[in-house]
Amino acid sequence: MTTLFPTHTELMRAVYSGNTALVERIIRRACPFIDETNDKGQTALMLAAIYGQEDICRLLLQSGASIHIQDYQGNSAYKYARLNMRYSILRIFDKHLEFDLDTVL
């Protein structure tokens, strides 16, 4: 059987499908691999930002996904949200970054 995205992880395929419940189950089972990348260096969070999946972005961030990772072209999840005009996701990322900053200070 040929998969649509052969270098995508199970988590990335679940993100692509938009199935939040499935994403949550995979995260519970394999959370240490939440920032695993595909052949382009993209993470599941980047893909969720590209596809405009707000709930999945929140879930990934709450589960420890990094917003700071860049793919092989130097794009982060934040940049993908901006490039694809996903303004609601940019607000989610901004809130997460503010929380991140508050915990460090």
PDB file of N, CA and C in Angstrom:
ATOM      1  N   MET A   1       0.832  -1.181   0.000  1.00  0.00           N
ATOM      2  CA  MET A   1       0.000   0.000   0.000  1.00  0.00           C
ATOM      3  C   MET A   1       0.881   1.251   0.000  1.00  0.00           C
ATOM      4  N   THR A   2       0.661   2.147  -0.919  1.00  0.00           N
ATOM      5  CA  THR A   2       1.402   3.397  -1.005  1.00  0.00           C
ATOM      6  C   THR A   2       0.684   4.450  -0.182  1.00  0.00           C
ATOM      7  N   THR A   3       1.456   5.147   0.652  1.00  0.00           N
ATOM      8  CA  THR A   3       0.846   6.210   1.449  1.00  0.00           C
ATOM      9  C   THR A   3       0.996   7.535   0.725  1.00  0.00           C
ATOM     10  N   LEU A   4       0.112   8.450   1.028  1.00  0.00           N
ATOM     11  CA  LEU A   4       0.108   9.759   0.397  1.00  0.00           C
ATOM     12  C   LEU A   4       1.394  10.521   0.691  1.00  0.00           C
ATOM     13  N   PHE A   5       1.868  10.443   1.928  1.00  0.00           N
ATOM     14  CA  PHE A   5       3.088  11.129   2.345  1.00  0.00           C
ATOM     15  C   PHE A   5       4.009  10.109   3.012  1.00  0.00           C
ATOM     16  N   PRO A   6       4.833   9.418   2.237  1.00  0.00           N
ATOM     17  CA  PRO A   6       5.618   8.315   2.795  1.00  0.00           C
ATOM     18  C   PRO A   6       6.607   8.723   3.883  1.00  0.00           C
ATOM     19  N   THR A   7       7.064   9.982   3.907  1.00  0.00           N
ATOM     20  CA  THR A   7       8.028  10.379   4.936  1.00  0.00           C
ATOM     21  C   THR A   7       7.361  11.012   6.148  1.00  0.00           C
ATOM     22  N   HIS A   8       6.049  11.084   6.147  1.00  0.00           N
ATOM     23  CA  HIS A   8       5.332  11.644   7.291  1.00  0.00           C
ATOM     24  C   HIS A   8       5.176  10.571   8.370  1.00  0.00           C
ATOM     25  N   THR A   9       5.284  11.016   9.604  1.00  0.00           N
ATOM     26  CA  THR A   9       5.061  10.112  10.734  1.00  0.00           C
ATOM     27  C   THR A   9       3.564   9.861  10.885  1.00  0.00           C
ATOM     28  N   GLU A  10       3.246   8.925  11.745  1.00  0.00           N
ATOM     29  CA  GLU A  10       1.837   8.646  12.046  1.00  0.00           C
ATOM     30  C   GLU A  10       1.146   9.903  12.574  1.00  0.00           C
ATOM     31  N   LEU A  11       1.852  10.643  13.419  1.00  0.00           N
ATOM     32  CA  LEU A  11       1.299  11.884  13.965  1.00  0.00           C
ATOM     33  C   LEU A  11       1.039  12.892  12.848  1.00  0.00           C
ATOM     34  N   MET A  12       1.957  13.023  11.928  1.00  0.00           N
ATOM     35  CA  MET A  12       1.776  13.969  10.814  1.00  0.00           C
ATOM     36  C   MET A  12       0.602  13.587   9.933  1.00  0.00           C
ATOM     37  N   ARG A  13       0.438  12.308   9.700  1.00  0.00           N
ATOM     38  CA  ARG A  13      -0.709  11.859   8.889  1.00  0.00           C
ATOM     39  C   ARG A  13      -2.024  12.155   9.609  1.00  0.00           C
ATOM     40  N   ALA A  14      -2.030  12.007  10.933  1.00  0.00           N
ATOM     41  CA  ALA A  14      -3.236  12.324  11.712  1.00  0.00           C
ATOM     42  C   ALA A  14      -3.509  13.827  11.659  1.00  0.00           C
ATOM     43  N   VAL A  15      -2.458  14.639  11.723  1.00  0.00           N
ATOM     44  CA  VAL A  15      -2.622  16.091  11.602  1.00  0.00           C
ATOM     45  C   VAL A  15      -3.218  16.416  10.246  1.00  0.00           C
ATOM     46  N   TYR A  16      -2.676  15.815   9.206  1.00  0.00           N
ATOM     47  CA  TYR A  16      -3.177  16.057   7.847  1.00  0.00           C
ATOM     48  C   TYR A  16      -4.666  15.725   7.741  1.00  0.00           C
ATOM     49  N   SER A  17      -5.075  14.653   8.415  1.00  0.00           N
ATOM     50  CA  SER A  17      -6.482  14.242   8.354  1.00  0.00           C
ATOM     51  C   SER A  17      -7.394  15.189   9.123  1.00  0.00           C
ATOM     52  N   GLY A  18      -6.801  15.960  10.039  1.00  0.00           N
ATOM     53  CA  GLY A  18      -7.609  16.880  10.844  1.00  0.00           C
ATOM     54  C   GLY A  18      -8.340  16.204  11.990  1.00  0.00           C
ATOM     55  N   ASN A  19      -8.000  14.975  12.293  1.00  0.00           N
ATOM     56  CA  ASN A  19      -8.671  14.201  13.329  1.00  0.00           C
ATOM     57  C   ASN A  19      -8.028  14.479  14.687  1.00  0.00           C
ATOM     58  N   THR A  20      -8.591  15.422  15.415  1.00  0.00           N
ATOM     59  CA  THR A  20      -8.027  15.845  16.697  1.00  0.00           C
ATOM     60  C   THR A  20      -7.958  14.700  17.702  1.00  0.00           C
ATOM     61  N   ALA A  21      -8.991  13.881  17.760  1.00  0.00           N
ATOM     62  CA  ALA A  21      -9.001  12.754  18.713  1.00  0.00           C
ATOM     63  C   ALA A  21      -7.871  11.775  18.406  1.00  0.00           C
ATOM     64  N   LEU A  22      -7.636  11.509  17.149  1.00  0.00           N
ATOM     65  CA  LEU A  22      -6.548  10.609  16.759  1.00  0.00           C
ATOM     66  C   LEU A  22      -5.195  11.232  17.107  1.00  0.00           C
ATOM     67  N   VAL A  23      -5.037  12.510  16.849  1.00  0.00           N
ATOM     68  CA  VAL A  23      -3.795  13.204  17.212  1.00  0.00           C
ATOM     69  C   VAL A  23      -3.549  13.064  18.708  1.00  0.00           C
ATOM     70  N   GLU A  24      -4.602  13.263  19.498  1.00  0.00           N
ATOM     71  CA  GLU A  24      -4.468  13.153  20.950  1.00  0.00           C
ATOM     72  C   GLU A  24      -4.045  11.748  21.374  1.00  0.00           C
ATOM     73  N   ARG A  25      -4.639  10.727  20.774  1.00  0.00           N
ATOM     74  CA  ARG A  25      -4.264   9.340  21.103  1.00  0.00           C
ATOM     75  C   ARG A  25      -2.805   9.064  20.758  1.00  0.00           C
ATOM     76  N   ILE A  26      -2.362   9.534  19.625  1.00  0.00           N
ATOM     77  CA  ILE A  26      -0.975   9.310  19.210  1.00  0.00           C
ATOM     78  C   ILE A  26      -0.015  10.039  20.144  1.00  0.00           C
ATOM     79  N   ILE A  27      -0.360  11.250  20.524  1.00  0.00           N
ATOM     80  CA  ILE A  27       0.494  12.012  21.443  1.00  0.00           C
ATOM     81  C   ILE A  27       0.620  11.288  22.779  1.00  0.00           C
ATOM     82  N   ARG A  28      -0.489  10.768  23.287  1.00  0.00           N
ATOM     83  CA  ARG A  28      -0.438  10.033  24.567  1.00  0.00           C
ATOM     84  C   ARG A  28       0.473   8.823  24.472  1.00  0.00           C
ATOM     85  N   ARG A  29       0.487   8.205  23.313  1.00  0.00           N
ATOM     86  CA  ARG A  29       1.274   6.994  23.121  1.00  0.00           C
ATOM     87  C   ARG A  29       2.737   7.290  22.765  1.00  0.00           C
ATOM     88  N   ALA A  30       3.000   8.368  22.049  1.00  0.00           N
ATOM     89  CA  ALA A  30       4.347   8.600  21.520  1.00  0.00           C
ATOM     90  C   ALA A  30       4.803  10.047  21.671  1.00  0.00           C
ATOM     91  N   CYS A  31       4.545  10.660  22.801  1.00  0.00           N
ATOM     92  CA  CYS A  31       4.840  12.076  23.014  1.00  0.00           C
ATOM     93  C   CYS A  31       6.322  12.445  22.828  1.00  0.00           C
ATOM     94  N   PRO A  32       7.277  11.587  23.180  1.00  0.00           N
ATOM     95  CA  PRO A  32       8.677  11.993  22.987  1.00  0.00           C
ATOM     96  C   PRO A  32       9.024  12.316  21.529  1.00  0.00           C
ATOM     97  N   PHE A  33       8.218  11.851  20.601  1.00  0.00           N
ATOM     98  CA  PHE A  33       8.499  12.061  19.184  1.00  0.00           C
ATOM     99  C   PHE A  33       7.648  13.181  18.588  1.00  0.00           C
ATOM    100  N   ILE A  34       7.137  14.056  19.424  1.00  0.00           N
ATOM    101  CA  ILE A  34       6.207  15.089  18.962  1.00  0.00           C
ATOM    102  C   ILE A  34       6.854  16.049  17.966  1.00  0.00           C
ATOM    103  N   ASP A  35       8.169  16.247  18.058  1.00  0.00           N
ATOM    104  CA  ASP A  35       8.865  17.158  17.157  1.00  0.00           C
ATOM    105  C   ASP A  35       9.653  16.441  16.065  1.00  0.00           C
ATOM    106  N   GLU A  36       9.329  15.186  15.828  1.00  0.00           N
ATOM    107  CA  GLU A  36       9.985  14.443  14.755  1.00  0.00           C
ATOM    108  C   GLU A  36       9.690  15.140  13.424  1.00  0.00           C
ATOM    109  N   THR A  37      10.627  15.078  12.495  1.00  0.00           N
ATOM    110  CA  THR A  37      10.471  15.799  11.225  1.00  0.00           C
ATOM    111  C   THR A  37      10.349  14.849  10.039  1.00  0.00           C
ATOM    112  N   ASN A  38       9.784  15.393   8.968  1.00  0.00           N
ATOM    113  CA  ASN A  38       9.684  14.645   7.716  1.00  0.00           C
ATOM    114  C   ASN A  38      10.912  14.949   6.845  1.00  0.00           C
ATOM    115  N   ASP A  39      10.878  14.550   5.590  1.00  0.00           N
ATOM    116  CA  ASP A  39      12.034  14.737   4.703  1.00  0.00           C
ATOM    117  C   ASP A  39      12.305  16.198   4.355  1.00  0.00           C
ATOM    118  N   LYS A  40      11.395  17.086   4.703  1.00  0.00           N
ATOM    119  CA  LYS A  40      11.592  18.528   4.480  1.00  0.00           C
ATOM    120  C   LYS A  40      11.979  19.247   5.775  1.00  0.00           C
ATOM    121  N   GLY A  41      12.076  18.478   6.862  1.00  0.00           N
ATOM    122  CA  GLY A  41      12.395  19.067   8.158  1.00  0.00           C
ATOM    123  C   GLY A  41      11.187  19.656   8.865  1.00  0.00           C
ATOM    124  N   GLN A  42       9.991  19.362   8.373  1.00  0.00           N
ATOM    125  CA  GLN A  42       8.763  19.908   8.959  1.00  0.00           C
ATOM    126  C   GLN A  42       8.270  19.031  10.104  1.00  0.00           C
ATOM    127  N   THR A  43       7.727  19.682  11.118  1.00  0.00           N
ATOM    128  CA  THR A  43       7.141  18.988  12.263  1.00  0.00           C
ATOM    129  C   THR A  43       5.618  18.939  12.112  1.00  0.00           C
ATOM    130  N   ALA A  44       4.993  18.180  12.989  1.00  0.00           N
ATOM    131  CA  ALA A  44       3.526  18.108  12.994  1.00  0.00           C
ATOM    132  C   ALA A  44       2.916  19.482  13.260  1.00  0.00           C
ATOM    133  N   LEU A  45       3.553  20.280  14.120  1.00  0.00           N
ATOM    134  CA  LEU A  45       3.037  21.620  14.403  1.00  0.00           C
ATOM    135  C   LEU A  45       3.084  22.495  13.149  1.00  0.00           C
ATOM    136  N   MET A  46       4.134  22.385  12.386  1.00  0.00           N
ATOM    137  CA  MET A  46       4.221  23.152  11.132  1.00  0.00           C
ATOM    138  C   MET A  46       3.089  22.767  10.193  1.00  0.00           C
ATOM    139  N   LEU A  47       2.839  21.471  10.082  1.00  0.00           N
ATOM    140  CA  LEU A  47       1.770  21.008   9.196  1.00  0.00           C
ATOM    141  C   LEU A  47       0.404  21.481   9.679  1.00  0.00           C
ATOM    142  N   ALA A  48       0.183  21.442  10.989  1.00  0.00           N
ATOM    143  CA  ALA A  48      -1.091  21.930  11.533  1.00  0.00           C
ATOM    144  C   ALA A  48      -1.261  23.422  11.239  1.00  0.00           C
ATOM    145  N   ALA A  49      -0.162  24.176  11.303  1.00  0.00           N
ATOM    146  CA  ALA A  49      -0.224  25.607  10.982  1.00  0.00           C
ATOM    147  C   ALA A  49      -0.534  25.810   9.503  1.00  0.00           C
ATOM    148  N   ILE A  50       0.105  25.029   8.647  1.00  0.00           N
ATOM    149  CA  ILE A  50      -0.126  25.129   7.202  1.00  0.00           C
ATOM    150  C   ILE A  50      -1.588  24.843   6.877  1.00  0.00           C
ATOM    151  N   TYR A  51      -2.140  23.790   7.489  1.00  0.00           N
ATOM    152  CA  TYR A  51      -3.505  23.361   7.189  1.00  0.00           C
ATOM    153  C   TYR A  51      -4.573  24.146   7.956  1.00  0.00           C
ATOM    154  N   GLY A  52      -4.146  25.036   8.856  1.00  0.00           N
ATOM    155  CA  GLY A  52      -5.104  25.872   9.580  1.00  0.00           C
ATOM    156  C   GLY A  52      -5.878  25.146  10.662  1.00  0.00           C
ATOM    157  N   GLN A  53      -5.251  24.176  11.303  1.00  0.00           N
ATOM    158  CA  GLN A  53      -5.938  23.356  12.307  1.00  0.00           C
ATOM    159  C   GLN A  53      -5.673  23.894  13.719  1.00  0.00           C
ATOM    160  N   GLU A  54      -6.538  24.795  14.134  1.00  0.00           N
ATOM    161  CA  GLU A  54      -6.376  25.494  15.403  1.00  0.00           C
ATOM    162  C   GLU A  54      -6.346  24.557  16.611  1.00  0.00           C
ATOM    163  N   ASP A  55      -7.327  23.684  16.718  1.00  0.00           N
ATOM    164  CA  ASP A  55      -7.398  22.785  17.882  1.00  0.00           C
ATOM    165  C   ASP A  55      -6.178  21.883  17.953  1.00  0.00           C
ATOM    166  N   ILE A  56      -5.718  21.424  16.815  1.00  0.00           N
ATOM    167  CA  ILE A  56      -4.543  20.557  16.800  1.00  0.00           C
ATOM    168  C   ILE A  56      -3.293  21.353  17.159  1.00  0.00           C
ATOM    169  N   CYS A  57      -3.189  22.597  16.712  1.00  0.00           N
ATOM    170  CA  CYS A  57      -2.063  23.448  17.121  1.00  0.00           C
ATOM    171  C   CYS A  57      -2.034  23.605  18.637  1.00  0.00           C
ATOM    172  N   ARG A  58      -3.201  23.906  19.220  1.00  0.00           N
ATOM    173  CA  ARG A  58      -3.280  24.048  20.688  1.00  0.00           C
ATOM    174  C   ARG A  58      -2.843  22.768  21.386  1.00  0.00           C
ATOM    175  N   LEU A  59      -3.367  21.649  20.915  1.00  0.00           N
ATOM    176  CA  LEU A  59      -3.052  20.349  21.512  1.00  0.00           C
ATOM    177  C   LEU A  59      -1.558  20.039  21.416  1.00  0.00           C
ATOM    178  N   LEU A  60      -0.972  20.284  20.267  1.00  0.00           N
ATOM    179  CA  LEU A  60       0.465  20.031  20.093  1.00  0.00           C
ATOM    180  C   LEU A  60       1.295  20.925  21.010  1.00  0.00           C
ATOM    181  N   LEU A  61       0.936  22.191  21.103  1.00  0.00           N
ATOM    182  CA  LEU A  61       1.668  23.101  21.987  1.00  0.00           C
ATOM    183  C   LEU A  61       1.534  22.687  23.448  1.00  0.00           C
ATOM    184  N   GLN A  62       0.319  22.339  23.863  1.00  0.00           N
ATOM    185  CA  GLN A  62       0.094  21.893  25.241  1.00  0.00           C
ATOM    186  C   GLN A  62       0.855  20.613  25.549  1.00  0.00           C
ATOM    187  N   SER A  63       1.150  19.835  24.524  1.00  0.00           N
ATOM    188  CA  SER A  63       1.844  18.561  24.697  1.00  0.00           C
ATOM    189  C   SER A  63       3.355  18.701  24.553  1.00  0.00           C
ATOM    190  N   GLY A  64       3.814  19.925  24.364  1.00  0.00           N
ATOM    191  CA  GLY A  64       5.255  20.164  24.355  1.00  0.00           C
ATOM    192  C   GLY A  64       5.898  20.366  22.996  1.00  0.00           C
ATOM    193  N   ALA A  65       5.112  20.476  21.943  1.00  0.00           N
ATOM    194  CA  ALA A  65       5.695  20.727  20.621  1.00  0.00           C
ATOM    195  C   ALA A  65       6.410  22.075  20.629  1.00  0.00           C
ATOM    196  N   SER A  66       7.535  22.127  19.951  1.00  0.00           N
ATOM    197  CA  SER A  66       8.319  23.357  19.905  1.00  0.00           C
ATOM    198  C   SER A  66       7.886  24.247  18.746  1.00  0.00           C
ATOM    199  N   ILE A  67       7.677  25.500  19.064  1.00  0.00           N
ATOM    200  CA  ILE A  67       7.323  26.495  18.052  1.00  0.00           C
ATOM    201  C   ILE A  67       8.584  27.074  17.409  1.00  0.00           C
ATOM    202  N   HIS A  68       9.746  26.747  17.948  1.00  0.00           N
ATOM    203  CA  HIS A  68      11.005  27.362  17.528  1.00  0.00           C
ATOM    204  C   HIS A  68      11.771  26.570  16.464  1.00  0.00           C
ATOM    205  N   ILE A  69      11.389  25.349  16.214  1.00  0.00           N
ATOM    206  CA  ILE A  69      12.098  24.523  15.228  1.00  0.00           C
ATOM    207  C   ILE A  69      11.893  25.100  13.830  1.00  0.00           C
ATOM    208  N   GLN A  70      12.944  25.039  13.023  1.00  0.00           N
ATOM    209  CA  GLN A  70      12.860  25.482  11.636  1.00  0.00           C
ATOM    210  C   GLN A  70      13.097  24.293  10.707  1.00  0.00           C
ATOM    211  N   ASP A  71      12.402  24.297   9.578  1.00  0.00           N
ATOM    212  CA  ASP A  71      12.611  23.234   8.590  1.00  0.00           C
ATOM    213  C   ASP A  71      13.861  23.546   7.776  1.00  0.00           C
ATOM    214  N   TYR A  72      14.126  22.737   6.756  1.00  0.00           N
ATOM    215  CA  TYR A  72      15.348  22.885   5.967  1.00  0.00           C
ATOM    216  C   TYR A  72      15.398  24.175   5.156  1.00  0.00           C
ATOM    217  N   GLN A  73      14.264  24.852   5.011  1.00  0.00           N
ATOM    218  CA  GLN A  73      14.228  26.137   4.313  1.00  0.00           C
ATOM    219  C   GLN A  73      14.221  27.319   5.277  1.00  0.00           C
ATOM    220  N   GLY A  74      14.318  27.018   6.573  1.00  0.00           N
ATOM    221  CA  GLY A  74      14.356  28.072   7.578  1.00  0.00           C
ATOM    222  C   GLY A  74      12.988  28.551   8.034  1.00  0.00           C
ATOM    223  N   ASN A  75      11.944  27.805   7.712  1.00  0.00           N
ATOM    224  CA  ASN A  75      10.583  28.179   8.112  1.00  0.00           C
ATOM    225  C   ASN A  75      10.195  27.505   9.421  1.00  0.00           C
ATOM    226  N   SER A  76       9.579  28.259  10.298  1.00  0.00           N
ATOM    227  CA  SER A  76       9.043  27.722  11.554  1.00  0.00           C
ATOM    228  C   SER A  76       7.524  27.587  11.412  1.00  0.00           C
ATOM    229  N   ALA A  77       6.903  26.988  12.410  1.00  0.00           N
ATOM    230  CA  ALA A  77       5.436  26.890  12.409  1.00  0.00           C
ATOM    231  C   ALA A  77       4.831  28.290  12.373  1.00  0.00           C
ATOM    232  N   TYR A  78       5.431  29.211  13.109  1.00  0.00           N
ATOM    233  CA  TYR A  78       4.939  30.597  13.133  1.00  0.00           C
ATOM    234  C   TYR A  78       5.008  31.206  11.734  1.00  0.00           C
ATOM    235  N   LYS A  79       6.120  30.998  11.061  1.00  0.00           N
ATOM    236  CA  LYS A  79       6.268  31.564   9.718  1.00  0.00           C
ATOM    237  C   LYS A  79       5.275  30.935   8.740  1.00  0.00           C
ATOM    238  N   TYR A  80       5.049  29.622   8.857  1.00  0.00           N
ATOM    239  CA  TYR A  80       4.060  28.981   7.979  1.00  0.00           C
ATOM    240  C   TYR A  80       2.665  29.546   8.219  1.00  0.00           C
ATOM    241  N   ALA A  81       2.329  29.798   9.480  1.00  0.00           N
ATOM    242  CA  ALA A  81       1.013  30.381   9.777  1.00  0.00           C
ATOM    243  C   ALA A  81       0.908  31.761   9.139  1.00  0.00           C
ATOM    244  N   ARG A  82       1.984  32.527   9.232  1.00  0.00           N
ATOM    245  CA  ARG A  82       1.982  33.869   8.643  1.00  0.00           C
ATOM    246  C   ARG A  82       1.907  33.801   7.114  1.00  0.00           C
ATOM    247  N   LEU A  83       2.704  32.932   6.500  1.00  0.00           N
ATOM    248  CA  LEU A  83       2.708  32.808   5.035  1.00  0.00           C
ATOM    249  C   LEU A  83       1.354  32.376   4.482  1.00  0.00           C
ATOM    250  N   ASN A  84       0.630  31.545   5.259  1.00  0.00           N
ATOM    251  CA  ASN A  84      -0.662  31.032   4.821  1.00  0.00           C
ATOM    252  C   ASN A  84      -1.840  31.840   5.371  1.00  0.00           C
ATOM    253  N   MET A  85      -1.532  32.988   5.959  1.00  0.00           N
ATOM    254  CA  MET A  85      -2.537  33.909   6.505  1.00  0.00           C
ATOM    255  C   MET A  85      -3.484  33.222   7.485  1.00  0.00           C
ATOM    256  N   ARG A  86      -2.933  32.399   8.360  1.00  0.00           N
ATOM    257  CA  ARG A  86      -3.697  31.708   9.405  1.00  0.00           C
ATOM    258  C   ARG A  86      -3.657  32.582  10.662  1.00  0.00           C
ATOM    259  N   TYR A  87      -4.412  33.661  10.639  1.00  0.00           N
ATOM    260  CA  TYR A  87      -4.337  34.654  11.703  1.00  0.00           C
ATOM    261  C   TYR A  87      -4.772  34.119  13.065  1.00  0.00           C
ATOM    262  N   SER A  88      -5.751  33.243  13.085  1.00  0.00           N
ATOM    263  CA  SER A  88      -6.179  32.679  14.373  1.00  0.00           C
ATOM    264  C   SER A  88      -5.075  31.809  14.962  1.00  0.00           C
ATOM    265  N   ILE A  89      -4.326  31.146  14.123  1.00  0.00           N
ATOM    266  CA  ILE A  89      -3.215  30.328  14.619  1.00  0.00           C
ATOM    267  C   ILE A  89      -2.073  31.229  15.083  1.00  0.00           C
ATOM    268  N   LEU A  90      -1.841  32.321  14.405  1.00  0.00           N
ATOM    269  CA  LEU A  90      -0.826  33.273  14.863  1.00  0.00           C
ATOM    270  C   LEU A  90      -1.170  33.777  16.263  1.00  0.00           C
ATOM    271  N   ARG A  91      -2.457  34.017  16.530  1.00  0.00           N
ATOM    272  CA  ARG A  91      -2.870  34.452  17.876  1.00  0.00           C
ATOM    273  C   ARG A  91      -2.607  33.346  18.906  1.00  0.00           C
ATOM    274  N   ILE A  92      -2.869  32.095  18.532  1.00  0.00           N
ATOM    275  CA  ILE A  92      -2.582  30.967  19.427  1.00  0.00           C
ATOM    276  C   ILE A  92      -1.080  30.918  19.725  1.00  0.00           C
ATOM    277  N   PHE A  93      -0.268  31.063  18.686  1.00  0.00           N
ATOM    278  CA  PHE A  93       1.182  31.040  18.863  1.00  0.00           C
ATOM    279  C   PHE A  93       1.650  32.212  19.723  1.00  0.00           C
ATOM    280  N   ASP A  94       1.085  33.405  19.485  1.00  0.00           N
ATOM    281  CA  ASP A  94       1.454  34.576  20.282  1.00  0.00           C
ATOM    282  C   ASP A  94       1.153  34.351  21.760  1.00  0.00           C
ATOM    283  N   LYS A  95      -0.035  33.812  22.057  1.00  0.00           N
ATOM    284  CA  LYS A  95      -0.389  33.522  23.452  1.00  0.00           C
ATOM    285  C   LYS A  95       0.569  32.506  24.049  1.00  0.00           C
ATOM    286  N   HIS A  96       0.923  31.498  23.286  1.00  0.00           N
ATOM    287  CA  HIS A  96       1.856  30.473  23.766  1.00  0.00           C
ATOM    288  C   HIS A  96       3.226  31.092  24.043  1.00  0.00           C
ATOM    289  N   LEU A  97       3.680  31.946  23.138  1.00  0.00           N
ATOM    290  CA  LEU A  97       4.980  32.591  23.326  1.00  0.00           C
ATOM    291  C   LEU A  97       4.964  33.515  24.531  1.00  0.00           C
ATOM    292  N   GLU A  98       3.854  34.219  24.770  1.00  0.00           N
ATOM    293  CA  GLU A  98       3.742  35.063  25.963  1.00  0.00           C
ATOM    294  C   GLU A  98       3.804  34.208  27.219  1.00  0.00           C
ATOM    295  N   PHE A  99       3.112  33.069  27.212  1.00  0.00           N
ATOM    296  CA  PHE A  99       3.150  32.150  28.360  1.00  0.00           C
ATOM    297  C   PHE A  99       4.567  31.638  28.562  1.00  0.00           C
ATOM    298  N   ASP A 100       5.218  31.263  27.481  1.00  0.00           N
ATOM    299  CA  ASP A 100       6.601  30.789  27.538  1.00  0.00           C
ATOM    300  C   ASP A 100       7.498  31.827  28.196  1.00  0.00           C
ATOM    301  N   LEU A 101       7.356  33.066  27.805  1.00  0.00           N
ATOM    302  CA  LEU A 101       8.157  34.148  28.328  1.00  0.00           C
ATOM    303  C   LEU A 101       7.867  34.374  29.803  1.00  0.00           C
ATOM    304  N   ASP A 102       6.593  34.311  30.196  1.00  0.00           N
ATOM    305  CA  ASP A 102       6.225  34.497  31.596  1.00  0.00           C
ATOM    306  C   ASP A 102       6.822  33.415  32.491  1.00  0.00           C
ATOM    307  N   THR A 103       6.919  32.196  32.006  1.00  0.00           N
ATOM    308  CA  THR A 103       7.472  31.115  32.845  1.00  0.00           C
ATOM    309  C   THR A 103       8.979  31.242  32.985  1.00  0.00           C
ATOM    310  N   VAL A 104       9.627  31.889  32.023  1.00  0.00           N
ATOM    311  CA  VAL A 104      11.075  32.045  32.075  1.00  0.00           C
ATOM    312  C   VAL A 104      11.469  33.204  32.988  1.00  0.00           C
ATOM    313  N   LEU A 105      10.662  34.249  32.998  1.00  0.00           N
ATOM    314  CA  LEU A 105      11.014  35.458  33.776  1.00  0.00           C
ATOM    315  C   LEU A 105      10.761  35.315  35.235  1.00  0.00           C
TER     316      LEU A 105
END
